[in-house]
Amino acid sequence: MSLHFTGIIIAAACFFIIGMFHPIVIKTEYYTGTKYWWLFLVAGIICIVSALFVANAVISAVLGIIGASALWSIKELFEQRDRVKKGWFPMNPKRKNEYQ
């Protein structure tokens, strides 16, 4: 009997990647606002397309997860702006005029 760790590795990678995108979105919104949303779009598309050409299942899955997380982060970036407006997260005082 041999053990197969592929599913566990992918699950751990998914957990880690999603966990890393949360602070990335928060910091991006704090320092730059929503003007760089398109970088998440480009990164997401590149990762998803790359996943189609990688034969290794784990690497392909990780690229797909990164791509999907980057695309989801576009939505989260704009929602983070709304959370800042509501006072749930700190506002960057240098960009105070953007929240009015």
C-alpha atoms as a PDB file:
ATOM      1  CA  MET A   1       0.000   0.000   0.000  1.00  0.00           C
ATOM      2  CA  SER A   2       1.442   3.341  -1.012  1.00  0.00           C
ATOM      3  CA  LEU A   3       0.253   6.704   0.167  1.00  0.00           C
ATOM      4  CA  HIS A   4      -0.547   9.494  -2.267  1.00  0.00           C
ATOM      5  CA  PHE A   5       0.037  12.990  -0.959  1.00  0.00           C
ATOM      6  CA  THR A   6      -0.975  14.959  -4.051  1.00  0.00           C
ATOM      7  CA  GLY A   7      -4.364  15.992  -2.690  1.00  0.00           C
ATOM      8  CA  ILE A   8      -2.935  17.023   0.672  1.00  0.00           C
ATOM      9  CA  ILE A   9      -0.150  19.018  -0.988  1.00  0.00           C
ATOM     10  CA  ILE A  10      -2.659  20.824  -3.214  1.00  0.00           C
ATOM     11  CA  ALA A  11      -4.951  21.507  -0.250  1.00  0.00           C
ATOM     12  CA  ALA A  12      -2.064  22.907   1.806  1.00  0.00           C
ATOM     13  CA  ALA A  13      -0.941  25.057  -1.126  1.00  0.00           C
ATOM     14  CA  CYS A  14      -4.498  26.337  -1.581  1.00  0.00           C
ATOM     15  CA  PHE A  15      -4.774  27.227   2.094  1.00  0.00           C
ATOM     16  CA  PHE A  16      -1.395  28.992   2.027  1.00  0.00           C
ATOM     17  CA  ILE A  17      -2.014  30.887  -1.239  1.00  0.00           C
ATOM     18  CA  ILE A  18      -5.433  32.158  -0.221  1.00  0.00           C
ATOM     19  CA  GLY A  19      -3.984  33.150   3.142  1.00  0.00           C
ATOM     20  CA  MET A  20      -1.199  35.106   1.427  1.00  0.00           C
ATOM     21  CA  PHE A  21      -3.546  36.985  -0.894  1.00  0.00           C
ATOM     22  CA  HIS A  22      -5.539  38.407   2.028  1.00  0.00           C
ATOM     23  CA  PRO A  23      -2.735  40.669   3.312  1.00  0.00           C
ATOM     24  CA  ILE A  24      -1.607  41.410  -0.254  1.00  0.00           C
ATOM     25  CA  VAL A  25      -5.043  42.875  -1.012  1.00  0.00           C
ATOM     26  CA  ILE A  26      -5.095  44.860   2.228  1.00  0.00           C
ATOM     27  CA  LYS A  27      -1.603  46.309   1.682  1.00  0.00           C
ATOM     28  CA  THR A  28      -2.255  47.038  -2.002  1.00  0.00           C
ATOM     29  CA  GLU A  29      -5.410  48.971  -1.197  1.00  0.00           C
ATOM     30  CA  TYR A  30      -3.725  50.819   1.670  1.00  0.00           C
ATOM     31  CA  TYR A  31      -0.706  51.991  -0.322  1.00  0.00           C
ATOM     32  CA  THR A  32      -2.072  52.336  -3.873  1.00  0.00           C
ATOM     33  CA  GLY A  33      -5.859  52.141  -3.719  1.00  0.00           C
ATOM     34  CA  THR A  34      -7.575  50.272  -6.527  1.00  0.00           C
ATOM     35  CA  LYS A  35      -5.583  51.679  -9.445  1.00  0.00           C
ATOM     36  CA  TYR A  36      -3.463  48.545  -9.867  1.00  0.00           C
ATOM     37  CA  TRP A  37      -6.354  46.080 -10.100  1.00  0.00           C
ATOM     38  CA  TRP A  38      -5.208  45.264 -13.616  1.00  0.00           C
ATOM     39  CA  LEU A  39      -1.982  43.711 -12.263  1.00  0.00           C
ATOM     40  CA  PHE A  40      -4.098  41.101 -10.497  1.00  0.00           C
ATOM     41  CA  LEU A  41      -5.909  40.500 -13.800  1.00  0.00           C
ATOM     42  CA  VAL A  42      -2.693  40.045 -15.776  1.00  0.00           C
ATOM     43  CA  ALA A  43      -1.125  37.818 -13.109  1.00  0.00           C
ATOM     44  CA  GLY A  44      -4.296  35.736 -12.876  1.00  0.00           C
ATOM     45  CA  ILE A  45      -4.541  35.197 -16.613  1.00  0.00           C
ATOM     46  CA  ILE A  46      -0.840  34.349 -16.912  1.00  0.00           C
ATOM     47  CA  CYS A  47      -1.045  31.792 -14.100  1.00  0.00           C
ATOM     48  CA  ILE A  48      -4.226  30.168 -15.390  1.00  0.00           C
ATOM     49  CA  VAL A  49      -2.939  29.927 -18.952  1.00  0.00           C
ATOM     50  CA  SER A  50       0.393  28.599 -17.668  1.00  0.00           C
ATOM     51  CA  ALA A  51      -1.440  25.930 -15.684  1.00  0.00           C
ATOM     52  CA  LEU A  52      -2.826  24.585 -18.965  1.00  0.00           C
ATOM     53  CA  PHE A  53       0.662  23.831 -20.250  1.00  0.00           C
ATOM     54  CA  VAL A  54       2.235  22.264 -17.145  1.00  0.00           C
ATOM     55  CA  ALA A  55       2.166  18.477 -17.065  1.00  0.00           C
ATOM     56  CA  ASN A  56       2.861  18.117 -13.349  1.00  0.00           C
ATOM     57  CA  ALA A  57      -0.492  17.951 -11.552  1.00  0.00           C
ATOM     58  CA  VAL A  58       0.659  19.675  -8.365  1.00  0.00           C
ATOM     59  CA  ILE A  59       2.387  22.558 -10.120  1.00  0.00           C
ATOM     60  CA  SER A  60      -0.526  22.970 -12.528  1.00  0.00           C
ATOM     61  CA  ALA A  61      -2.981  23.034  -9.627  1.00  0.00           C
ATOM     62  CA  VAL A  62      -0.868  25.569  -7.721  1.00  0.00           C
ATOM     63  CA  LEU A  63      -0.695  27.824 -10.777  1.00  0.00           C
ATOM     64  CA  GLY A  64      -4.459  27.517 -11.181  1.00  0.00           C
ATOM     65  CA  ILE A  65      -5.018  28.384  -7.524  1.00  0.00           C
ATOM     66  CA  ILE A  66      -2.711  31.399  -7.746  1.00  0.00           C
ATOM     67  CA  GLY A  67      -4.487  32.525 -10.910  1.00  0.00           C
ATOM     68  CA  ALA A  68      -7.949  32.151  -9.430  1.00  0.00           C
ATOM     69  CA  SER A  69      -6.850  33.895  -6.239  1.00  0.00           C
ATOM     70  CA  ALA A  70      -5.407  36.793  -8.228  1.00  0.00           C
ATOM     71  CA  LEU A  71      -8.645  37.175 -10.187  1.00  0.00           C
ATOM     72  CA  TRP A  72     -10.736  36.977  -7.006  1.00  0.00           C
ATOM     73  CA  SER A  73      -8.473  39.619  -5.474  1.00  0.00           C
ATOM     74  CA  ILE A  74      -9.740  42.172  -7.998  1.00  0.00           C
ATOM     75  CA  LYS A  75     -13.175  41.949  -6.389  1.00  0.00           C
ATOM     76  CA  GLU A  76     -11.646  41.948  -2.914  1.00  0.00           C
ATOM     77  CA  LEU A  77      -9.552  45.021  -3.697  1.00  0.00           C
ATOM     78  CA  PHE A  78     -12.661  47.077  -4.453  1.00  0.00           C
ATOM     79  CA  GLU A  79     -14.474  45.603  -1.457  1.00  0.00           C
ATOM     80  CA  GLN A  80     -11.469  46.464   0.704  1.00  0.00           C
ATOM     81  CA  ARG A  81     -11.864  50.094  -0.374  1.00  0.00           C
ATOM     82  CA  ASP A  82     -15.481  49.918   0.812  1.00  0.00           C
ATOM     83  CA  ARG A  83     -14.397  48.363   4.120  1.00  0.00           C
ATOM     84  CA  VAL A  84     -11.959  51.252   4.613  1.00  0.00           C
ATOM     85  CA  LYS A  85     -14.739  53.753   3.888  1.00  0.00           C
ATOM     86  CA  LYS A  86     -16.867  52.060   6.563  1.00  0.00           C
ATOM     87  CA  GLY A  87     -14.016  52.390   9.042  1.00  0.00           C
ATOM     88  CA  TRP A  88     -13.403  48.668   9.374  1.00  0.00           C
ATOM     89  CA  PHE A  89      -9.783  49.009   8.212  1.00  0.00           C
ATOM     90  CA  PRO A  90      -7.320  51.885   8.596  1.00  0.00           C
ATOM     91  CA  MET A  91      -7.274  54.601   5.949  1.00  0.00           C
ATOM     92  CA  ASN A  92      -4.004  55.730   4.435  1.00  0.00           C
ATOM     93  CA  PRO A  93      -3.851  59.409   5.448  1.00  0.00           C
ATOM     94  CA  LYS A  94      -1.841  60.216   2.309  1.00  0.00           C
ATOM     95  CA  ARG A  95      -4.802  59.111   0.180  1.00  0.00           C
ATOM     96  CA  LYS A  96      -7.584  60.529   2.336  1.00  0.00           C
ATOM     97  CA  ASN A  97      -9.157  62.461  -0.567  1.00  0.00           C
ATOM     98  CA  GLU A  98      -9.765  59.203  -2.490  1.00  0.00           C
ATOM     99  CA  TYR A  99     -12.264  58.019   0.126  1.00  0.00           C
ATOM    100  CA  GLN A 100     -14.601  60.998  -0.058  1.00  0.00           C
END
